[in-house]
Amino acid sequence: MSKAYIVAEIHVTNPGPYADYRALATASVAQYGGQFLARGGTRLQKEGGDDQHNEGWRTVIVEFPSLAQAQTWYDSVEYGKAKDIRLANSIGRLFIVEGVAPAT
């Protein structure tokens, strides 16, 4: 079974209220078997950069055991609470991508 990855590019527009998102998201990711691989670290834009997606944007990558598990997390009540905060206090995009099947 292939792993799956949540990839998000987020620009926080209201840092105060957004602070609650981090704790709720962290707990929900752990509850659903996910693991953060990248969370707002240094970002070196190499290709396809534009004024909208450079300075001040955070990149987040979360690994889940499967595509189904990632989807279950995204649709969960627990993440729904965090998602409401994120959507109200940031702009960005988020998608789920299936990983490469392990070599046998």
PDB file of N, CA and C in Angstrom:
ATOM      1  N   MET A   1       0.841  -1.180   0.000  1.00  0.00           N
ATOM      2  CA  MET A   1       0.000   0.000   0.000  1.00  0.00           C
ATOM      3  C   MET A   1       0.887   1.243   0.000  1.00  0.00           C
ATOM      4  N   SER A   2       0.519   2.220  -0.803  1.00  0.00           N
ATOM      5  CA  SER A   2       1.276   3.464  -0.890  1.00  0.00           C
ATOM      6  C   SER A   2       0.881   4.425   0.215  1.00  0.00           C
ATOM      7  N   LYS A   3       1.845   5.160   0.672  1.00  0.00           N
ATOM      8  CA  LYS A   3       1.562   6.232   1.625  1.00  0.00           C
ATOM      9  C   LYS A   3       0.908   7.384   0.870  1.00  0.00           C
ATOM     10  N   ALA A   4       0.409   8.349   1.608  1.00  0.00           N
ATOM     11  CA  ALA A   4      -0.196   9.534   1.012  1.00  0.00           C
ATOM     12  C   ALA A   4       0.297  10.758   1.753  1.00  0.00           C
ATOM     13  N   TYR A   5       0.253  11.880   1.075  1.00  0.00           N
ATOM     14  CA  TYR A   5       0.801  13.113   1.621  1.00  0.00           C
ATOM     15  C   TYR A   5      -0.194  14.255   1.476  1.00  0.00           C
ATOM     16  N   ILE A   6      -0.356  14.965   2.565  1.00  0.00           N
ATOM     17  CA  ILE A   6      -1.079  16.228   2.548  1.00  0.00           C
ATOM     18  C   ILE A   6      -0.025  17.286   2.247  1.00  0.00           C
ATOM     19  N   VAL A   7      -0.267  18.119   1.258  1.00  0.00           N
ATOM     20  CA  VAL A   7       0.643  19.209   0.935  1.00  0.00           C
ATOM     21  C   VAL A   7      -0.176  20.494   0.992  1.00  0.00           C
ATOM     22  N   ALA A   8       0.310  21.445   1.751  1.00  0.00           N
ATOM     23  CA  ALA A   8      -0.405  22.714   1.882  1.00  0.00           C
ATOM     24  C   ALA A   8       0.567  23.871   1.746  1.00  0.00           C
ATOM     25  N   GLU A   9       0.103  24.914   1.094  1.00  0.00           N
ATOM     26  CA  GLU A   9       0.815  26.190   1.042  1.00  0.00           C
ATOM     27  C   GLU A   9      -0.124  27.209   1.658  1.00  0.00           C
ATOM     28  N   ILE A  10       0.312  27.805   2.733  1.00  0.00           N
ATOM     29  CA  ILE A  10      -0.566  28.652   3.539  1.00  0.00           C
ATOM     30  C   ILE A  10       0.086  30.007   3.796  1.00  0.00           C
ATOM     31  N   HIS A  11      -0.704  31.050   3.673  1.00  0.00           N
ATOM     32  CA  HIS A  11      -0.290  32.390   4.078  1.00  0.00           C
ATOM     33  C   HIS A  11      -1.249  32.832   5.186  1.00  0.00           C
ATOM     34  N   VAL A  12      -0.729  32.975   6.382  1.00  0.00           N
ATOM     35  CA  VAL A  12      -1.544  33.358   7.542  1.00  0.00           C
ATOM     36  C   VAL A  12      -1.866  34.843   7.445  1.00  0.00           C
ATOM     37  N   THR A  13      -3.146  35.173   7.486  1.00  0.00           N
ATOM     38  CA  THR A  13      -3.586  36.563   7.396  1.00  0.00           C
ATOM     39  C   THR A  13      -3.941  37.156   8.756  1.00  0.00           C
ATOM     40  N   ASN A  14      -4.283  36.320   9.722  1.00  0.00           N
ATOM     41  CA  ASN A  14      -4.625  36.754  11.083  1.00  0.00           C
ATOM     42  C   ASN A  14      -3.897  35.861  12.081  1.00  0.00           C
ATOM     43  N   PRO A  15      -2.645  36.195  12.428  1.00  0.00           N
ATOM     44  CA  PRO A  15      -1.829  35.321  13.280  1.00  0.00           C
ATOM     45  C   PRO A  15      -2.421  35.026  14.656  1.00  0.00           C
ATOM     46  N   GLY A  16      -3.073  35.975  15.282  1.00  0.00           N
ATOM     47  CA  GLY A  16      -3.620  35.758  16.625  1.00  0.00           C
ATOM     48  C   GLY A  16      -4.595  34.599  16.660  1.00  0.00           C
ATOM     49  N   PRO A  17      -5.709  34.700  15.940  1.00  0.00           N
ATOM     50  CA  PRO A  17      -6.671  33.607  15.948  1.00  0.00           C
ATOM     51  C   PRO A  17      -6.122  32.311  15.341  1.00  0.00           C
ATOM     52  N   TYR A  18      -5.193  32.426  14.413  1.00  0.00           N
ATOM     53  CA  TYR A  18      -4.629  31.248  13.746  1.00  0.00           C
ATOM     54  C   TYR A  18      -3.833  30.373  14.708  1.00  0.00           C
ATOM     55  N   ALA A  19      -3.339  30.949  15.789  1.00  0.00           N
ATOM     56  CA  ALA A  19      -2.518  30.197  16.746  1.00  0.00           C
ATOM     57  C   ALA A  19      -3.247  28.968  17.275  1.00  0.00           C
ATOM     58  N   ASP A  20      -4.553  29.028  17.431  1.00  0.00           N
ATOM     59  CA  ASP A  20      -5.321  27.877  17.908  1.00  0.00           C
ATOM     60  C   ASP A  20      -5.307  26.724  16.907  1.00  0.00           C
ATOM     61  N   TYR A  21      -5.126  27.037  15.632  1.00  0.00           N
ATOM     62  CA  TYR A  21      -5.103  26.013  14.600  1.00  0.00           C
ATOM     63  C   TYR A  21      -3.982  25.002  14.829  1.00  0.00           C
ATOM     64  N   ARG A  22      -2.815  25.500  15.163  1.00  0.00           N
ATOM     65  CA  ARG A  22      -1.637  24.632  15.273  1.00  0.00           C
ATOM     66  C   ARG A  22      -1.845  23.484  16.269  1.00  0.00           C
ATOM     67  N   ALA A  23      -2.346  23.793  17.451  1.00  0.00           N
ATOM     68  CA  ALA A  23      -2.559  22.751  18.462  1.00  0.00           C
ATOM     69  C   ALA A  23      -3.624  21.748  18.021  1.00  0.00           C
ATOM     70  N   LEU A  24      -4.724  22.232  17.460  1.00  0.00           N
ATOM     71  CA  LEU A  24      -5.785  21.331  17.016  1.00  0.00           C
ATOM     72  C   LEU A  24      -5.320  20.459  15.852  1.00  0.00           C
ATOM     73  N   ALA A  25      -4.606  21.055  14.905  1.00  0.00           N
ATOM     74  CA  ALA A  25      -4.110  20.290  13.751  1.00  0.00           C
ATOM     75  C   ALA A  25      -3.098  19.238  14.193  1.00  0.00           C
ATOM     76  N   THR A  26      -2.195  19.626  15.078  1.00  0.00           N
ATOM     77  CA  THR A  26      -1.174  18.689  15.565  1.00  0.00           C
ATOM     78  C   THR A  26      -1.817  17.472  16.216  1.00  0.00           C
ATOM     79  N   ALA A  27      -2.785  17.703  17.077  1.00  0.00           N
ATOM     80  CA  ALA A  27      -3.456  16.600  17.774  1.00  0.00           C
ATOM     81  C   ALA A  27      -4.217  15.717  16.797  1.00  0.00           C
ATOM     82  N   SER A  28      -4.884  16.328  15.830  1.00  0.00           N
ATOM     83  CA  SER A  28      -5.676  15.522  14.891  1.00  0.00           C
ATOM     84  C   SER A  28      -4.786  14.698  13.969  1.00  0.00           C
ATOM     85  N   VAL A  29      -3.678  15.250  13.532  1.00  0.00           N
ATOM     86  CA  VAL A  29      -2.745  14.499  12.679  1.00  0.00           C
ATOM     87  C   VAL A  29      -2.241  13.268  13.429  1.00  0.00           C
ATOM     88  N   ALA A  30      -1.834  13.444  14.677  1.00  0.00           N
ATOM     89  CA  ALA A  30      -1.349  12.316  15.477  1.00  0.00           C
ATOM     90  C   ALA A  30      -2.447  11.273  15.687  1.00  0.00           C
ATOM     91  N   GLN A  31      -3.649  11.728  15.963  1.00  0.00           N
ATOM     92  CA  GLN A  31      -4.774  10.826  16.212  1.00  0.00           C
ATOM     93  C   GLN A  31      -5.060   9.937  15.000  1.00  0.00           C
ATOM     94  N   TYR A  32      -4.843  10.456  13.797  1.00  0.00           N
ATOM     95  CA  TYR A  32      -5.163   9.713  12.577  1.00  0.00           C
ATOM     96  C   TYR A  32      -3.928   9.092  11.923  1.00  0.00           C
ATOM     97  N   GLY A  33      -2.839   8.996  12.662  1.00  0.00           N
ATOM     98  CA  GLY A  33      -1.676   8.263  12.176  1.00  0.00           C
ATOM     99  C   GLY A  33      -0.766   9.024  11.246  1.00  0.00           C
ATOM    100  N   GLY A  34      -0.888  10.338  11.228  1.00  0.00           N
ATOM    101  CA  GLY A  34      -0.047  11.153  10.357  1.00  0.00           C
ATOM    102  C   GLY A  34       1.224  11.605  11.047  1.00  0.00           C
ATOM    103  N   GLN A  35       2.143  12.079  10.240  1.00  0.00           N
ATOM    104  CA  GLN A  35       3.420  12.581  10.749  1.00  0.00           C
ATOM    105  C   GLN A  35       3.838  13.787   9.907  1.00  0.00           C
ATOM    106  N   PHE A  36       4.181  14.873  10.580  1.00  0.00           N
ATOM    107  CA  PHE A  36       4.652  16.058   9.860  1.00  0.00           C
ATOM    108  C   PHE A  36       6.050  15.809   9.314  1.00  0.00           C
ATOM    109  N   LEU A  37       6.252  16.080   8.032  1.00  0.00           N
ATOM    110  CA  LEU A  37       7.565  15.982   7.403  1.00  0.00           C
ATOM    111  C   LEU A  37       8.165  17.361   7.177  1.00  0.00           C
ATOM    112  N   ALA A  38       7.321  18.342   6.935  1.00  0.00           N
ATOM    113  CA  ALA A  38       7.747  19.740   6.799  1.00  0.00           C
ATOM    114  C   ALA A  38       6.636  20.598   7.374  1.00  0.00           C
ATOM    115  N   ARG A  39       7.044  21.654   8.084  1.00  0.00           N
ATOM    116  CA  ARG A  39       6.034  22.505   8.715  1.00  0.00           C
ATOM    117  C   ARG A  39       6.552  23.922   8.822  1.00  0.00           C
ATOM    118  N   GLY A  40       6.521  24.627   7.711  1.00  0.00           N
ATOM    119  CA  GLY A  40       6.866  26.043   7.726  1.00  0.00           C
ATOM    120  C   GLY A  40       8.343  26.347   7.812  1.00  0.00           C
ATOM    121  N   GLY A  41       9.196  25.404   7.470  1.00  0.00           N
ATOM    122  CA  GLY A  41      10.636  25.656   7.491  1.00  0.00           C
ATOM    123  C   GLY A  41      11.061  26.575   6.349  1.00  0.00           C
ATOM    124  N   THR A  42      12.350  26.786   6.239  1.00  0.00           N
ATOM    125  CA  THR A  42      12.883  27.629   5.178  1.00  0.00           C
ATOM    126  C   THR A  42      12.447  27.095   3.824  1.00  0.00           C
ATOM    127  N   ARG A  43      12.004  27.977   2.982  1.00  0.00           N
ATOM    128  CA  ARG A  43      11.510  27.616   1.657  1.00  0.00           C
ATOM    129  C   ARG A  43      12.357  28.329   0.618  1.00  0.00           C
ATOM    130  N   LEU A  44      12.969  27.578  -0.284  1.00  0.00           N
ATOM    131  CA  LEU A  44      13.780  28.136  -1.361  1.00  0.00           C
ATOM    132  C   LEU A  44      13.025  27.930  -2.665  1.00  0.00           C
ATOM    133  N   GLN A  45      12.402  28.980  -3.154  1.00  0.00           N
ATOM    134  CA  GLN A  45      11.614  28.898  -4.390  1.00  0.00           C
ATOM    135  C   GLN A  45      12.570  28.801  -5.571  1.00  0.00           C
ATOM    136  N   LYS A  46      12.486  27.731  -6.345  1.00  0.00           N
ATOM    137  CA  LYS A  46      13.401  27.509  -7.461  1.00  0.00           C
ATOM    138  C   LYS A  46      12.751  27.691  -8.820  1.00  0.00           C
ATOM    139  N   GLU A  47      11.498  27.318  -8.953  1.00  0.00           N
ATOM    140  CA  GLU A  47      10.802  27.438 -10.236  1.00  0.00           C
ATOM    141  C   GLU A  47       9.355  27.828  -9.983  1.00  0.00           C
ATOM    142  N   GLY A  48       8.780  28.500 -10.954  1.00  0.00           N
ATOM    143  CA  GLY A  48       7.360  28.799 -10.897  1.00  0.00           C
ATOM    144  C   GLY A  48       6.962  29.810  -9.841  1.00  0.00           C
ATOM    145  N   GLY A  49       7.911  30.565  -9.361  1.00  0.00           N
ATOM    146  CA  GLY A  49       7.584  31.551  -8.339  1.00  0.00           C
ATOM    147  C   GLY A  49       6.779  32.703  -8.901  1.00  0.00           C
ATOM    148  N   ASP A  50       5.942  33.256  -8.086  1.00  0.00           N
ATOM    149  CA  ASP A  50       5.214  34.465  -8.447  1.00  0.00           C
ATOM    150  C   ASP A  50       5.054  35.297  -7.180  1.00  0.00           C
ATOM    151  N   ASP A  51       4.650  36.527  -7.364  1.00  0.00           N
ATOM    152  CA  ASP A  51       4.536  37.434  -6.221  1.00  0.00           C
ATOM    153  C   ASP A  51       3.554  36.922  -5.167  1.00  0.00           C
ATOM    154  N   GLN A  52       2.551  36.171  -5.595  1.00  0.00           N
ATOM    155  CA  GLN A  52       1.541  35.704  -4.654  1.00  0.00           C
ATOM    156  C   GLN A  52       2.050  34.587  -3.753  1.00  0.00           C
ATOM    157  N   HIS A  53       2.974  33.763  -4.217  1.00  0.00           N
ATOM    158  CA  HIS A  53       3.356  32.565  -3.463  1.00  0.00           C
ATOM    159  C   HIS A  53       4.814  32.551  -3.036  1.00  0.00           C
ATOM    160  N   ASN A  54       5.359  33.657  -2.649  1.00  0.00           N
ATOM    161  CA  ASN A  54       6.744  33.674  -2.200  1.00  0.00           C
ATOM    162  C   ASN A  54       6.840  34.047  -0.734  1.00  0.00           C
ATOM    163  N   GLU A  55       7.097  35.281  -0.445  1.00  0.00           N
ATOM    164  CA  GLU A  55       7.318  35.737   0.930  1.00  0.00           C
ATOM    165  C   GLU A  55       6.098  35.495   1.814  1.00  0.00           C
ATOM    166  N   GLY A  56       6.364  34.980   2.990  1.00  0.00           N
ATOM    167  CA  GLY A  56       5.306  34.820   3.983  1.00  0.00           C
ATOM    168  C   GLY A  56       4.453  33.570   3.840  1.00  0.00           C
ATOM    169  N   TRP A  57       4.743  32.727   2.880  1.00  0.00           N
ATOM    170  CA  TRP A  57       3.979  31.493   2.704  1.00  0.00           C
ATOM    171  C   TRP A  57       4.671  30.344   3.435  1.00  0.00           C
ATOM    172  N   ARG A  58       3.877  29.491   4.045  1.00  0.00           N
ATOM    173  CA  ARG A  58       4.381  28.301   4.747  1.00  0.00           C
ATOM    174  C   ARG A  58       4.039  27.071   3.919  1.00  0.00           C
ATOM    175  N   THR A  59       4.970  26.149   3.837  1.00  0.00           N
ATOM    176  CA  THR A  59       4.712  24.873   3.187  1.00  0.00           C
ATOM    177  C   THR A  59       4.647  23.798   4.267  1.00  0.00           C
ATOM    178  N   VAL A  60       3.603  22.978   4.205  1.00  0.00           N
ATOM    179  CA  VAL A  60       3.404  21.913   5.177  1.00  0.00           C
ATOM    180  C   VAL A  60       3.221  20.606   4.408  1.00  0.00           C
ATOM    181  N   ILE A  61       3.931  19.562   4.843  1.00  0.00           N
ATOM    182  CA  ILE A  61       3.776  18.235   4.258  1.00  0.00           C
ATOM    183  C   ILE A  61       3.549  17.250   5.407  1.00  0.00           C
ATOM    184  N   VAL A  62       2.469  16.483   5.299  1.00  0.00           N
ATOM    185  CA  VAL A  62       2.123  15.494   6.316  1.00  0.00           C
ATOM    186  C   VAL A  62       2.004  14.138   5.634  1.00  0.00           C
ATOM    187  N   GLU A  63       2.652  13.140   6.212  1.00  0.00           N
ATOM    188  CA  GLU A  63       2.603  11.777   5.666  1.00  0.00           C
ATOM    189  C   GLU A  63       1.559  10.961   6.419  1.00  0.00           C
ATOM    190  N   PHE A  64       0.746  10.215   5.666  1.00  0.00           N
ATOM    191  CA  PHE A  64      -0.219   9.284   6.231  1.00  0.00           C
ATOM    192  C   PHE A  64       0.040   7.896   5.671  1.00  0.00           C
ATOM    193  N   PRO A  65      -0.382   6.848   6.388  1.00  0.00           N
ATOM    194  CA  PRO A  65      -0.122   5.486   5.936  1.00  0.00           C
ATOM    195  C   PRO A  65      -0.776   5.137   4.592  1.00  0.00           C
ATOM    196  N   SER A  66      -1.866   5.826   4.239  1.00  0.00           N
ATOM    197  CA  SER A  66      -2.581   5.513   2.994  1.00  0.00           C
ATOM    198  C   SER A  66      -3.403   6.721   2.549  1.00  0.00           C
ATOM    199  N   LEU A  67      -3.842   6.664   1.295  1.00  0.00           N
ATOM    200  CA  LEU A  67      -4.718   7.700   0.769  1.00  0.00           C
ATOM    201  C   LEU A  67      -6.032   7.739   1.553  1.00  0.00           C
ATOM    202  N   ALA A  68      -6.559   6.565   1.868  1.00  0.00           N
ATOM    203  CA  ALA A  68      -7.807   6.498   2.634  1.00  0.00           C
ATOM    204  C   ALA A  68      -7.650   7.124   4.013  1.00  0.00           C
ATOM    205  N   GLN A  69      -6.515   6.884   4.663  1.00  0.00           N
ATOM    206  CA  GLN A  69      -6.291   7.449   5.995  1.00  0.00           C
ATOM    207  C   GLN A  69      -6.156   8.968   5.935  1.00  0.00           C
ATOM    208  N   ALA A  70      -5.487   9.472   4.906  1.00  0.00           N
ATOM    209  CA  ALA A  70      -5.365  10.929   4.743  1.00  0.00           C
ATOM    210  C   ALA A  70      -6.731  11.560   4.526  1.00  0.00           C
ATOM    211  N   GLN A  71      -7.555  10.916   3.708  1.00  0.00           N
ATOM    212  CA  GLN A  71      -8.904  11.425   3.451  1.00  0.00           C
ATOM    213  C   GLN A  71      -9.751  11.376   4.712  1.00  0.00           C
ATOM    214  N   THR A  72      -9.623  10.297   5.479  1.00  0.00           N
ATOM    215  CA  THR A  72     -10.365  10.171   6.741  1.00  0.00           C
ATOM    216  C   THR A  72      -9.978  11.296   7.689  1.00  0.00           C
ATOM    217  N   TRP A  73      -8.681  11.592   7.793  1.00  0.00           N
ATOM    218  CA  TRP A  73      -8.230  12.702   8.644  1.00  0.00           C
ATOM    219  C   TRP A  73      -8.838  14.016   8.171  1.00  0.00           C
ATOM    220  N   TYR A  74      -8.739  14.295   6.872  1.00  0.00           N
ATOM    221  CA  TYR A  74      -9.230  15.574   6.350  1.00  0.00           C
ATOM    222  C   TYR A  74     -10.722  15.758   6.623  1.00  0.00           C
ATOM    223  N   ASP A  75     -11.492  14.675   6.520  1.00  0.00           N
ATOM    224  CA  ASP A  75     -12.941  14.739   6.715  1.00  0.00           C
ATOM    225  C   ASP A  75     -13.365  14.592   8.177  1.00  0.00           C
ATOM    226  N   SER A  76     -12.410  14.390   9.082  1.00  0.00           N
ATOM    227  CA  SER A  76     -12.746  14.130  10.487  1.00  0.00           C
ATOM    228  C   SER A  76     -13.305  15.359  11.200  1.00  0.00           C
ATOM    229  N   VAL A  77     -14.082  15.088  12.223  1.00  0.00           N
ATOM    230  CA  VAL A  77     -14.614  16.151  13.081  1.00  0.00           C
ATOM    231  C   VAL A  77     -13.455  16.895  13.746  1.00  0.00           C
ATOM    232  N   GLU A  78     -12.446  16.141  14.177  1.00  0.00           N
ATOM    233  CA  GLU A  78     -11.312  16.748  14.881  1.00  0.00           C
ATOM    234  C   GLU A  78     -10.571  17.740  13.990  1.00  0.00           C
ATOM    235  N   TYR A  79     -10.278  17.354  12.756  1.00  0.00           N
ATOM    236  CA  TYR A  79      -9.599  18.300  11.873  1.00  0.00           C
ATOM    237  C   TYR A  79     -10.553  19.386  11.400  1.00  0.00           C
ATOM    238  N   GLY A  80     -11.832  19.067  11.323  1.00  0.00           N
ATOM    239  CA  GLY A  80     -12.818  20.073  10.906  1.00  0.00           C
ATOM    240  C   GLY A  80     -12.780  21.317  11.782  1.00  0.00           C
ATOM    241  N   LYS A  81     -12.587  21.131  13.077  1.00  0.00           N
ATOM    242  CA  LYS A  81     -12.481  22.274  13.992  1.00  0.00           C
ATOM    243  C   LYS A  81     -11.262  23.121  13.650  1.00  0.00           C
ATOM    244  N   ALA A  82     -10.141  22.456  13.382  1.00  0.00           N
ATOM    245  CA  ALA A  82      -8.918  23.175  13.012  1.00  0.00           C
ATOM    246  C   ALA A  82      -9.080  23.837  11.652  1.00  0.00           C
ATOM    247  N   LYS A  83      -9.673  23.115  10.708  1.00  0.00           N
ATOM    248  CA  LYS A  83      -9.847  23.627   9.348  1.00  0.00           C
ATOM    249  C   LYS A  83     -10.660  24.917   9.343  1.00  0.00           C
ATOM    250  N   ASP A  84     -11.711  24.974  10.157  1.00  0.00           N
ATOM    251  CA  ASP A  84     -12.520  26.194  10.236  1.00  0.00           C
ATOM    252  C   ASP A  84     -11.666  27.395  10.641  1.00  0.00           C
ATOM    253  N   ILE A  85     -10.774  27.193  11.596  1.00  0.00           N
ATOM    254  CA  ILE A  85      -9.875  28.277  12.037  1.00  0.00           C
ATOM    255  C   ILE A  85      -8.919  28.651  10.914  1.00  0.00           C
ATOM    256  N   ARG A  86      -8.340  27.642  10.248  1.00  0.00           N
ATOM    257  CA  ARG A  86      -7.397  27.910   9.157  1.00  0.00           C
ATOM    258  C   ARG A  86      -8.065  28.689   8.037  1.00  0.00           C
ATOM    259  N   LEU A  87      -9.232  28.260   7.623  1.00  0.00           N
ATOM    260  CA  LEU A  87      -9.911  28.920   6.513  1.00  0.00           C
ATOM    261  C   LEU A  87     -10.316  30.356   6.840  1.00  0.00           C
ATOM    262  N   ALA A  88     -10.623  30.616   8.101  1.00  0.00           N
ATOM    263  CA  ALA A  88     -11.028  31.965   8.507  1.00  0.00           C
ATOM    264  C   ALA A  88      -9.850  32.909   8.686  1.00  0.00           C
ATOM    265  N   ASN A  89      -8.635  32.366   8.836  1.00  0.00           N
ATOM    266  CA  ASN A  89      -7.496  33.210   9.203  1.00  0.00           C
ATOM    267  C   ASN A  89      -6.279  33.045   8.307  1.00  0.00           C
ATOM    268  N   SER A  90      -6.490  32.467   7.126  1.00  0.00           N
ATOM    269  CA  SER A  90      -5.386  32.299   6.183  1.00  0.00           C
ATOM    270  C   SER A  90      -5.946  32.121   4.778  1.00  0.00           C
ATOM    271  N   ILE A  91      -5.049  32.190   3.817  1.00  0.00           N
ATOM    272  CA  ILE A  91      -5.387  31.828   2.450  1.00  0.00           C
ATOM    273  C   ILE A  91      -4.387  30.766   2.015  1.00  0.00           C
ATOM    274  N   GLY A  92      -4.746  29.991   1.046  1.00  0.00           N
ATOM    275  CA  GLY A  92      -3.800  28.990   0.579  1.00  0.00           C
ATOM    276  C   GLY A  92      -4.470  27.878  -0.184  1.00  0.00           C
ATOM    277  N   ARG A  93      -3.723  26.790  -0.309  1.00  0.00           N
ATOM    278  CA  ARG A  93      -4.251  25.611  -0.976  1.00  0.00           C
ATOM    279  C   ARG A  93      -3.728  24.375  -0.264  1.00  0.00           C
ATOM    280  N   LEU A  94      -4.495  23.297  -0.380  1.00  0.00           N
ATOM    281  CA  LEU A  94      -4.153  22.044   0.280  1.00  0.00           C
ATOM    282  C   LEU A  94      -4.614  20.922  -0.636  1.00  0.00           C
ATOM    283  N   PHE A  95      -3.772  19.907  -0.795  1.00  0.00           N
ATOM    284  CA  PHE A  95      -4.193  18.756  -1.583  1.00  0.00           C
ATOM    285  C   PHE A  95      -3.587  17.493  -0.998  1.00  0.00           C
ATOM    286  N   ILE A  96      -4.156  16.354  -1.393  1.00  0.00           N
ATOM    287  CA  ILE A  96      -3.668  15.041  -0.988  1.00  0.00           C
ATOM    288  C   ILE A  96      -3.111  14.371  -2.226  1.00  0.00           C
ATOM    289  N   VAL A  97      -1.925  13.805  -2.097  1.00  0.00           N
ATOM    290  CA  VAL A  97      -1.310  13.102  -3.215  1.00  0.00           C
ATOM    291  C   VAL A  97      -0.851  11.722  -2.749  1.00  0.00           C
ATOM    292  N   GLU A  98      -1.114  10.721  -3.571  1.00  0.00           N
ATOM    293  CA  GLU A  98      -0.702   9.371  -3.250  1.00  0.00           C
ATOM    294  C   GLU A  98       0.770   9.201  -3.561  1.00  0.00           C
ATOM    295  N   GLY A  99       1.488   8.538  -2.667  1.00  0.00           N
ATOM    296  CA  GLY A  99       2.915   8.305  -2.844  1.00  0.00           C
ATOM    297  C   GLY A  99       3.192   7.157  -3.793  1.00  0.00           C
ATOM    298  N   VAL A 100       4.449   6.927  -4.065  1.00  0.00           N
ATOM    299  CA  VAL A 100       4.898   5.843  -4.914  1.00  0.00           C
ATOM    300  C   VAL A 100       4.839   4.547  -4.116  1.00  0.00           C
ATOM    301  N   ALA A 101       4.372   3.495  -4.747  1.00  0.00           N
ATOM    302  CA  ALA A 101       4.318   2.195  -4.076  1.00  0.00           C
ATOM    303  C   ALA A 101       5.731   1.740  -3.725  1.00  0.00           C
ATOM    304  N   PRO A 102       5.892   1.134  -2.555  1.00  0.00           N
ATOM    305  CA  PRO A 102       7.222   0.654  -2.160  1.00  0.00           C
ATOM    306  C   PRO A 102       7.757  -0.375  -3.151  1.00  0.00           C
ATOM    307  N   ALA A 103       9.052  -0.336  -3.398  1.00  0.00           N
ATOM    308  CA  ALA A 103       9.680  -1.310  -4.282  1.00  0.00           C
ATOM    309  C   ALA A 103       9.662  -2.682  -3.624  1.00  0.00           C
ATOM    310  N   THR A 104       9.464  -3.695  -4.418  1.00  0.00           N
ATOM    311  CA  THR A 104       9.436  -5.039  -3.847  1.00  0.00           C
ATOM    312  C   THR A 104      10.732  -5.775  -4.096  1.00  0.00           C
TER     313      THR A 104
END
